[in-house]
Amino acid sequence: MFFQIDDQFHVNQKAKTLARKALMNDVRGLAALGLWTMAGSMCQAALNDGVSTVEDLVSITLHHGVAVELADLLVSAELWHTTGHTCERCPAVKPGTYIYHDWFAMGYDTAAQVKTTRGKRKELKDPAIIAAVWARDCIDDPANPAVGLCRYCQREIKRADRKSEFRGEMDHVVPNLYCGTRNIVLACLACNRKKGARTPEQAGMTLHPAPRSQESAGASENVSPAPAAAEMPQAPDAAAEAPIRPDIKSDSLEEPELISDEKAIPVGARTGMRPGRAGQGRVTEGLRDGVTAPESSRPSRNRRRRGKGKPQPAAASRQQGTHAPASTSRHDAGPTPAVNAPGRYGSPWHGWSGKPSTVTETTCTEHNEEQPCRKCQEDSGK
């Protein structure tokens, strides 16, 4: 996430009004613009949706009186709003807080959208989740899965495939929810692009059960018991979770608008940049499934795909009588078997490439640090 200022900020009339105060030996306007910039960076880092408190401003200026004085200049220039403002495009703010004028019109995403996107990306990069999903949706050995089934079209997917149009990808069944493997399924690239940032029902698709029956696969030994239907997290209500945005009518939050197949954004796709206006910043972090962008924000694609993969429908014997019973939740992807995933940073010896140590203690007795002690290594190298 970035708080950006474009190359037209110097011609913004509100900014010029503050900067011209320097002609009368009053540098407070320039100081206010500096506070506006630093506070915007702080809002993006903290995901405050353009709202700054007096405490935030004091942490920047290190002086309460200076912070309030500069904030009042920004309010008078209509770059900020405070309690009791009359701007119809900006939401009301609490006492002791300030909000950027037209924050969402600048192109920034809400904090809820950013948190959801980051949570989903973290899940899609988790080796344990990837291994568990492949073990559940495979049609060969769960301990070393190499071929799986798309949970939407039932097409065979090879794990080693990285280039064809039907290579395997991870897809969140409910696009605005991240809760682990119960909401992630194996899908081919074609189905993932078709579904985009929609539920299977909105995309006109069917979520099929996992290809391997839990009973025949030895669920009592390798598979954790399926949780009750109440344990499956539900997608948050958009009207209850999303902050009030003045540029969206309240009735539009009651029924989500269906996204066409052409406008759906698949996992891995990045939204383009929208043309900004003078003095306005934009979010430069691309979003994946769960967030859509207007038609004008996506760059055109002139190159044709070179994928040479062809559909590989599964054998009839694999499609008949091998599916697990349907879950009580229509969006529940099903339980996953217990698999061994590669470790990461669970040991203080991670990354150690020297000779095996003869030290039996886990901490250095001299420096009280985890072995191998960095300070002892520096002292020995002197």
Protein backbone atom coordinates (compact mmCIF):
# COMPACT_ATOMS: atom_id res chain seq x y z
CA MET A 1 0.00 0.00 0.00
CA PHE A 2 1.25 3.45 -0.89
CA PHE A 3 0.09 6.99 -0.30
CA GLN A 4 1.09 8.69 -3.50
CA ILE A 5 1.21 12.25 -4.76
CA ASP A 6 1.18 12.62 -8.52
CA ASP A 7 3.05 15.14 -10.64
CA GLN A 8 0.02 17.45 -10.81
CA PHE A 9 -0.11 18.17 -7.08
CA HIS A 10 1.72 21.46 -7.56
CA VAL A 11 -1.18 22.86 -9.65
CA ASN A 12 -3.89 21.81 -7.20
CA GLN A 13 -5.67 25.02 -6.18
CA LYS A 14 -6.05 24.00 -2.55
CA ALA A 15 -2.36 23.17 -2.29
CA LYS A 16 -1.37 26.38 -4.05
CA THR A 17 -3.48 28.41 -1.61
CA LEU A 18 -1.49 27.04 1.30
CA ALA A 19 1.89 27.29 -0.46
CA ARG A 20 1.33 30.96 -1.42
CA LYS A 21 1.22 31.93 2.23
CA ALA A 22 5.01 31.82 2.05
CA LEU A 23 4.87 35.00 -0.09
CA MET A 24 3.83 36.82 3.07
CA ASN A 25 6.61 35.18 5.13
CA ASP A 26 4.13 32.64 6.52
CA VAL A 27 5.54 29.14 6.18
CA ARG A 28 2.69 27.47 8.05
CA GLY A 29 1.02 26.60 4.76
CA LEU A 30 4.04 24.63 3.60
CA ALA A 31 4.23 22.94 7.00
CA ALA A 32 0.54 22.02 6.69
CA LEU A 33 1.20 20.39 3.32
CA GLY A 34 4.00 18.40 4.89
CA LEU A 35 1.65 17.25 7.64
CA TRP A 36 -0.96 16.34 5.02
CA THR A 37 1.60 14.12 3.27
CA MET A 38 2.95 12.39 6.37
CA ALA A 39 -0.51 11.84 7.85
CA GLY A 40 -1.65 10.26 4.59
CA SER A 41 1.25 7.84 4.73
CA MET A 42 0.30 6.99 8.30
CA CYS A 43 -3.34 6.40 7.33
CA GLN A 44 -2.34 3.96 4.61
CA ALA A 45 0.04 2.10 6.91
CA ALA A 46 -2.56 1.79 9.68
CA LEU A 47 -5.53 1.23 7.30
CA ASN A 48 -7.59 4.00 8.88
CA ASP A 49 -9.62 4.85 5.75
CA GLY A 50 -8.27 8.39 5.67
CA VAL A 51 -9.00 9.24 9.31
CA SER A 52 -6.31 10.79 11.54
CA THR A 53 -6.58 11.51 15.25
CA VAL A 54 -5.01 14.37 17.15
CA GLU A 55 -2.66 11.85 18.76
CA ASP A 56 -1.48 10.78 15.30
CA LEU A 57 -0.74 14.36 14.34
CA VAL A 58 1.11 15.02 17.59
CA SER A 59 3.29 11.97 16.94
CA ILE A 60 4.33 13.63 13.66
CA THR A 61 4.80 17.24 14.79
CA LEU A 62 5.86 16.39 18.38
CA HIS A 63 3.88 19.41 19.57
CA HIS A 64 0.16 19.52 20.34
CA GLY A 65 -0.32 23.20 19.56
CA VAL A 66 1.48 22.95 16.21
CA ALA A 67 -0.50 19.86 15.25
CA VAL A 68 -3.86 21.53 15.92
CA GLU A 69 -2.84 24.76 14.19
CA LEU A 70 -1.69 23.02 11.03
CA ALA A 71 -4.76 20.79 11.03
CA ASP A 72 -6.98 23.87 11.17
CA LEU A 73 -5.20 25.25 8.10
CA LEU A 74 -5.91 22.03 6.21
CA VAL A 75 -9.56 22.20 7.27
CA SER A 76 -9.84 25.81 6.11
CA ALA A 77 -8.34 24.80 2.75
CA GLU A 78 -10.90 21.96 2.53
CA LEU A 79 -8.21 19.32 2.25
CA TRP A 80 -9.44 17.87 5.55
CA HIS A 81 -12.76 17.74 7.37
CA THR A 82 -13.42 17.73 11.08
CA THR A 83 -16.41 17.22 13.34
CA GLY A 84 -19.59 18.87 12.08
CA HIS A 85 -18.49 19.33 8.47
CA THR A 86 -21.15 19.81 5.78
CA CYS A 87 -19.51 17.99 2.87
CA GLU A 88 -22.05 15.55 1.44
CA ARG A 89 -19.40 13.39 -0.22
CA CYS A 90 -17.52 12.58 2.99
CA PRO A 91 -18.74 10.65 6.06
CA ALA A 92 -19.07 12.20 9.49
CA VAL A 93 -16.11 11.97 11.87
CA LYS A 94 -15.82 11.72 15.62
CA PRO A 95 -14.59 14.60 17.79
CA GLY A 96 -10.82 14.90 17.85
CA THR A 97 -10.37 13.30 14.41
CA TYR A 98 -9.84 14.55 10.87
CA ILE A 99 -10.68 12.89 7.55
CA TYR A 100 -9.23 13.47 4.10
CA HIS A 101 -11.61 15.10 1.67
CA ASP A 102 -12.74 12.60 -1.00
CA TRP A 103 -10.48 9.86 0.34
CA PHE A 104 -12.27 7.06 -1.51
CA ALA A 105 -12.58 9.16 -4.66
CA MET A 106 -8.78 9.09 -4.81
CA GLY A 107 -8.96 5.40 -5.68
CA TYR A 108 -7.99 3.88 -2.32
CA ASP A 109 -9.58 0.63 -1.23
CA THR A 110 -11.28 0.29 2.12
CA ALA A 111 -9.42 -1.25 5.04
CA ALA A 112 -11.74 -4.27 4.95
CA GLN A 113 -10.92 -4.90 1.29
CA VAL A 114 -7.18 -4.65 1.88
CA LYS A 115 -7.27 -6.94 4.92
CA THR A 116 -9.31 -9.53 3.01
CA THR A 117 -6.96 -9.42 0.03
CA ARG A 118 -3.88 -9.75 2.20
CA GLY A 119 -5.40 -12.63 4.15
CA LYS A 120 -6.29 -14.51 0.97
CA ARG A 121 -2.84 -13.98 -0.52
CA LYS A 122 -1.24 -15.31 2.62
CA GLU A 123 -3.38 -18.43 2.42
CA LEU A 124 -2.58 -19.02 -1.26
CA LYS A 125 1.17 -18.93 -0.45
CA ASP A 126 0.98 -21.19 2.62
CA PRO A 127 2.74 -24.51 1.82
CA ALA A 128 0.61 -26.38 4.38
CA ILE A 129 -2.66 -25.18 2.83
CA ILE A 130 -1.48 -25.94 -0.71
CA ALA A 131 -0.41 -29.46 0.27
CA ALA A 132 -3.67 -30.11 2.13
CA VAL A 133 -5.87 -28.94 -0.76
CA TRP A 134 -3.98 -31.05 -3.28
CA ALA A 135 -4.21 -34.09 -1.00
CA ARG A 136 -7.96 -33.66 -0.68
CA ASP A 137 -8.73 -32.93 -4.35
CA CYS A 138 -6.31 -35.43 -5.92
CA ILE A 139 -7.27 -38.67 -7.65
CA ASP A 140 -4.00 -40.50 -6.98
CA ASP A 141 -1.82 -40.87 -3.89
CA PRO A 142 -2.71 -38.21 -1.26
CA ALA A 143 0.77 -38.52 0.21
CA ASN A 144 2.30 -37.42 -3.10
CA PRO A 145 -0.49 -35.99 -5.26
CA ALA A 146 0.31 -35.44 -8.92
CA VAL A 147 -3.12 -35.35 -10.58
CA GLY A 148 -6.24 -33.70 -9.23
CA LEU A 149 -9.73 -32.73 -10.34
CA CYS A 150 -11.09 -29.27 -10.88
CA ARG A 151 -13.86 -28.87 -8.32
CA TYR A 152 -16.01 -26.99 -10.84
CA CYS A 153 -15.66 -28.76 -14.21
CA GLN A 154 -14.18 -32.09 -13.01
CA ARG A 155 -11.29 -31.80 -15.48
CA GLU A 156 -8.06 -33.58 -14.67
CA ILE A 157 -5.27 -31.24 -13.54
CA LYS A 158 -1.60 -32.16 -13.46
CA ARG A 159 0.38 -30.61 -10.67
CA ALA A 160 3.48 -30.35 -12.85
CA ASP A 161 1.57 -28.31 -15.44
CA ARG A 162 2.67 -24.67 -15.32
CA LYS A 163 1.93 -23.37 -18.83
CA SER A 164 -1.30 -24.76 -20.27
CA GLU A 165 -4.70 -23.09 -20.14
CA PHE A 166 -5.90 -25.76 -17.75
CA ARG A 167 -3.15 -25.67 -15.16
CA GLY A 168 -4.19 -25.98 -11.55
CA GLU A 169 -4.79 -22.99 -9.27
CA MET A 170 -6.18 -22.41 -5.79
CA ASP A 171 -9.55 -20.67 -5.64
CA HIS A 172 -11.50 -19.20 -2.73
CA VAL A 173 -15.08 -20.45 -3.03
CA VAL A 174 -16.48 -17.40 -1.24
CA PRO A 175 -14.38 -14.53 -2.63
CA ASN A 176 -14.59 -12.23 0.41
CA LEU A 177 -13.76 -14.87 3.03
CA TYR A 178 -10.47 -16.41 4.16
CA CYS A 179 -10.77 -19.21 6.70
CA GLY A 180 -8.40 -21.94 5.57
CA THR A 181 -8.86 -25.06 3.47
CA ARG A 182 -12.62 -25.26 3.98
CA ASN A 183 -12.99 -22.30 1.61
CA ILE A 184 -10.20 -23.19 -0.87
CA VAL A 185 -10.53 -25.69 -3.71
CA LEU A 186 -8.46 -26.85 -6.65
CA ALA A 187 -9.60 -25.27 -9.93
CA CYS A 188 -8.31 -25.14 -13.47
CA LEU A 189 -7.24 -21.83 -14.92
CA ALA A 190 -10.30 -21.63 -17.21
CA CYS A 191 -12.79 -22.12 -14.37
CA ASN A 192 -10.88 -19.78 -12.08
CA ARG A 193 -11.03 -17.01 -14.67
CA LYS A 194 -14.68 -17.66 -15.38
CA LYS A 195 -15.64 -17.57 -11.70
CA GLY A 196 -13.54 -14.53 -10.85
CA ALA A 197 -14.63 -12.60 -7.76
CA ARG A 198 -18.00 -14.33 -7.49
CA THR A 199 -19.56 -17.25 -5.70
CA PRO A 200 -20.26 -20.41 -7.75
CA GLU A 201 -23.97 -19.53 -7.85
CA GLN A 202 -23.29 -16.05 -9.20
CA ALA A 203 -21.00 -17.48 -11.88
CA GLY A 204 -23.48 -20.22 -12.85
CA MET A 205 -21.09 -22.96 -11.73
CA THR A 206 -21.39 -25.98 -9.46
CA LEU A 207 -19.05 -26.82 -6.60
CA HIS A 208 -18.65 -30.60 -6.77
CA PRO A 209 -17.67 -32.68 -3.73
CA ALA A 210 -14.10 -33.81 -3.26
CA PRO A 211 -13.21 -36.62 -5.71
CA ARG A 212 -12.02 -39.02 -3.00
CA SER A 213 -14.52 -40.59 -0.61
CA GLN A 214 -13.46 -39.97 2.97
CA GLU A 215 -14.67 -43.43 4.06
CA SER A 216 -12.73 -45.33 1.38
CA ALA A 217 -9.61 -43.25 1.96
CA GLY A 218 -9.39 -44.26 5.62
CA ALA A 219 -10.84 -41.18 7.23
CA SER A 220 -10.50 -42.70 10.69
CA GLU A 221 -6.70 -42.71 10.41
CA ASN A 222 -5.63 -39.85 8.15
CA VAL A 223 -8.51 -37.39 8.03
CA SER A 224 -9.59 -35.08 10.79
CA PRO A 225 -13.32 -35.24 11.60
CA ALA A 226 -15.47 -32.85 9.62
CA PRO A 227 -16.71 -29.95 11.74
CA ALA A 228 -20.35 -29.22 12.15
CA ALA A 229 -22.10 -26.89 9.76
CA ALA A 230 -22.03 -24.16 12.38
CA GLU A 231 -18.21 -24.24 12.42
CA MET A 232 -17.95 -23.23 8.76
CA PRO A 233 -17.34 -19.46 8.84
CA GLN A 234 -19.85 -17.52 6.86
CA ALA A 235 -19.08 -14.68 4.51
CA PRO A 236 -19.38 -11.31 6.22
CA ASP A 237 -22.37 -9.22 5.43
CA ALA A 238 -21.26 -6.48 3.04
CA ALA A 239 -23.74 -3.99 4.48
CA ALA A 240 -22.55 -4.67 8.04
CA GLU A 241 -18.77 -4.90 7.50
CA ALA A 242 -18.08 -2.34 4.78
CA PRO A 243 -17.59 1.25 5.93
CA ILE A 244 -20.11 3.80 4.79
CA ARG A 245 -18.96 5.30 1.53
CA PRO A 246 -20.76 8.41 0.32
CA ASP A 247 -20.18 7.52 -3.33
CA ILE A 248 -22.24 4.32 -2.98
CA LYS A 249 -25.95 4.40 -2.37
CA SER A 250 -27.23 2.45 0.61
CA ASP A 251 -29.56 0.29 -1.46
CA SER A 252 -26.62 -1.00 -3.50
CA LEU A 253 -25.30 -2.84 -0.44
CA GLU A 254 -28.43 -4.91 0.02
CA GLU A 255 -27.99 -7.08 -3.07
CA PRO A 256 -24.48 -7.52 -4.54
CA GLU A 257 -24.28 -6.77 -8.23
CA LEU A 258 -23.42 -9.74 -10.39
CA ILE A 259 -20.19 -9.42 -12.32
CA SER A 260 -20.09 -10.52 -15.92
CA ASP A 261 -17.65 -13.18 -17.06
CA GLU A 262 -15.66 -10.61 -19.02
CA LYS A 263 -15.22 -8.35 -15.97
CA ALA A 264 -14.43 -11.05 -13.42
CA ILE A 265 -10.88 -10.88 -12.08
CA PRO A 266 -9.25 -14.30 -11.46
CA VAL A 267 -6.68 -15.17 -8.83
CA GLY A 268 -3.30 -13.78 -9.84
CA ALA A 269 -4.69 -10.97 -12.01
CA ARG A 270 -3.77 -7.43 -11.11
CA THR A 271 -5.90 -4.39 -11.57
CA GLY A 272 -4.54 -1.53 -13.61
CA MET A 273 -4.00 2.03 -12.52
CA ARG A 274 -6.67 4.61 -12.93
CA PRO A 275 -5.87 8.07 -14.22
CA GLY A 276 -5.66 10.39 -11.23
CA ARG A 277 -6.39 14.01 -10.71
CA ALA A 278 -4.27 16.82 -9.40
CA GLY A 279 -3.03 16.14 -5.89
CA GLN A 280 -4.58 12.71 -5.56
CA GLY A 281 -2.82 9.48 -4.69
CA ARG A 282 -3.79 5.95 -5.55
CA VAL A 283 -3.27 2.47 -4.27
CA THR A 284 -0.58 0.73 -6.29
CA GLU A 285 -0.97 -2.72 -4.77
CA GLY A 286 -2.88 -4.90 -7.23
CA LEU A 287 -5.77 -6.94 -5.88
CA ARG A 288 -6.75 -10.45 -6.70
CA ASP A 289 -10.05 -12.24 -6.52
CA GLY A 290 -12.53 -10.55 -4.22
CA VAL A 291 -11.95 -7.02 -5.58
CA THR A 292 -12.98 -5.75 -8.97
CA ALA A 293 -12.03 -2.66 -10.90
CA PRO A 294 -13.84 -0.62 -13.51
CA GLU A 295 -13.41 -1.46 -17.18
CA SER A 296 -11.20 1.57 -17.81
CA SER A 297 -8.73 0.56 -15.08
CA ARG A 298 -7.57 -2.67 -16.67
CA PRO A 299 -4.85 -2.61 -19.29
CA SER A 300 -5.59 -4.06 -22.68
CA ARG A 301 -4.06 -7.35 -23.63
CA ASN A 302 -2.73 -7.56 -27.16
CA ARG A 303 -0.83 -10.82 -26.89
CA ARG A 304 -2.60 -14.08 -27.44
CA ARG A 305 -2.16 -16.95 -25.07
CA ARG A 306 0.32 -19.60 -26.04
CA GLY A 307 -1.09 -22.33 -23.83
CA LYS A 308 -1.33 -25.62 -25.66
CA GLY A 309 -3.12 -27.63 -22.99
CA LYS A 310 -6.24 -29.54 -23.94
CA PRO A 311 -9.16 -30.63 -21.78
CA GLN A 312 -8.63 -33.95 -20.09
CA PRO A 313 -11.96 -35.19 -18.79
CA ALA A 314 -11.70 -37.63 -15.92
CA ALA A 315 -12.48 -41.28 -16.47
CA ALA A 316 -16.06 -42.33 -15.88
CA SER A 317 -14.96 -44.78 -13.21
CA ARG A 318 -13.49 -41.92 -11.22
CA GLN A 319 -16.59 -39.80 -11.50
CA GLN A 320 -19.07 -42.45 -10.45
CA GLY A 321 -19.32 -43.62 -6.88
CA THR A 322 -16.12 -41.93 -5.65
CA HIS A 323 -17.41 -38.57 -4.49
CA ALA A 324 -17.68 -37.78 -0.81
CA PRO A 325 -21.13 -36.96 0.56
CA ALA A 326 -22.18 -33.38 0.01
CA SER A 327 -21.52 -31.09 2.96
CA THR A 328 -24.29 -29.39 4.84
CA SER A 329 -22.89 -26.05 3.65
CA ARG A 330 -23.06 -25.44 -0.09
CA HIS A 331 -19.78 -23.49 0.03
CA ASP A 332 -17.88 -25.93 2.27
CA ALA A 333 -14.95 -27.41 0.36
CA GLY A 334 -14.71 -30.34 2.78
CA PRO A 335 -12.12 -31.52 5.30
CA THR A 336 -8.53 -32.13 4.28
CA PRO A 337 -6.29 -35.08 5.22
CA ALA A 338 -3.33 -34.61 7.50
CA VAL A 339 -0.23 -33.97 5.39
CA ASN A 340 3.38 -33.10 6.08
CA ALA A 341 4.30 -29.63 4.84
CA PRO A 342 7.84 -28.24 4.65
CA GLY A 343 8.92 -26.27 7.70
CA ARG A 344 10.06 -22.68 7.65
CA TYR A 345 11.51 -20.80 10.60
CA GLY A 346 10.67 -23.04 13.55
CA SER A 347 14.28 -23.60 14.63
CA PRO A 348 17.05 -21.18 15.62
CA TRP A 349 19.36 -23.31 13.43
CA HIS A 350 17.46 -22.34 10.28
CA GLY A 351 19.96 -21.25 7.64
CA TRP A 352 23.00 -22.60 9.52
CA SER A 353 25.56 -23.85 6.98
CA GLY A 354 28.61 -24.40 9.18
CA LYS A 355 29.87 -27.52 10.91
CA PRO A 356 27.58 -29.33 13.35
CA SER A 357 27.80 -27.64 16.71
CA THR A 358 28.84 -29.50 19.85
CA VAL A 359 26.92 -27.09 22.07
CA THR A 360 24.13 -28.80 23.97
CA GLU A 361 22.62 -25.66 25.51
CA THR A 362 20.00 -23.78 23.49
CA THR A 363 21.21 -20.36 24.66
CA CYS A 364 24.63 -18.81 24.92
CA THR A 365 25.70 -18.61 28.55
CA GLU A 366 27.77 -15.49 27.88
CA HIS A 367 25.41 -13.39 25.77
CA ASN A 368 22.08 -15.11 26.57
CA GLU A 369 21.17 -15.49 22.89
CA GLU A 370 19.91 -18.47 20.89
CA GLN A 371 22.61 -20.80 19.60
CA PRO A 372 24.44 -20.37 17.30
CA CYS A 373 25.25 -17.07 19.02
CA ARG A 374 25.79 -14.23 16.59
CA LYS A 375 28.00 -12.26 18.99
CA CYS A 376 30.29 -15.24 19.61
CA GLN A 377 30.71 -15.65 15.85
CA GLU A 378 31.60 -11.96 15.47
CA ASP A 379 34.14 -12.18 18.31
CA SER A 380 35.78 -15.25 16.83
CA GLY A 381 36.09 -13.58 13.43
CA LYS A 382 37.98 -10.59 14.78
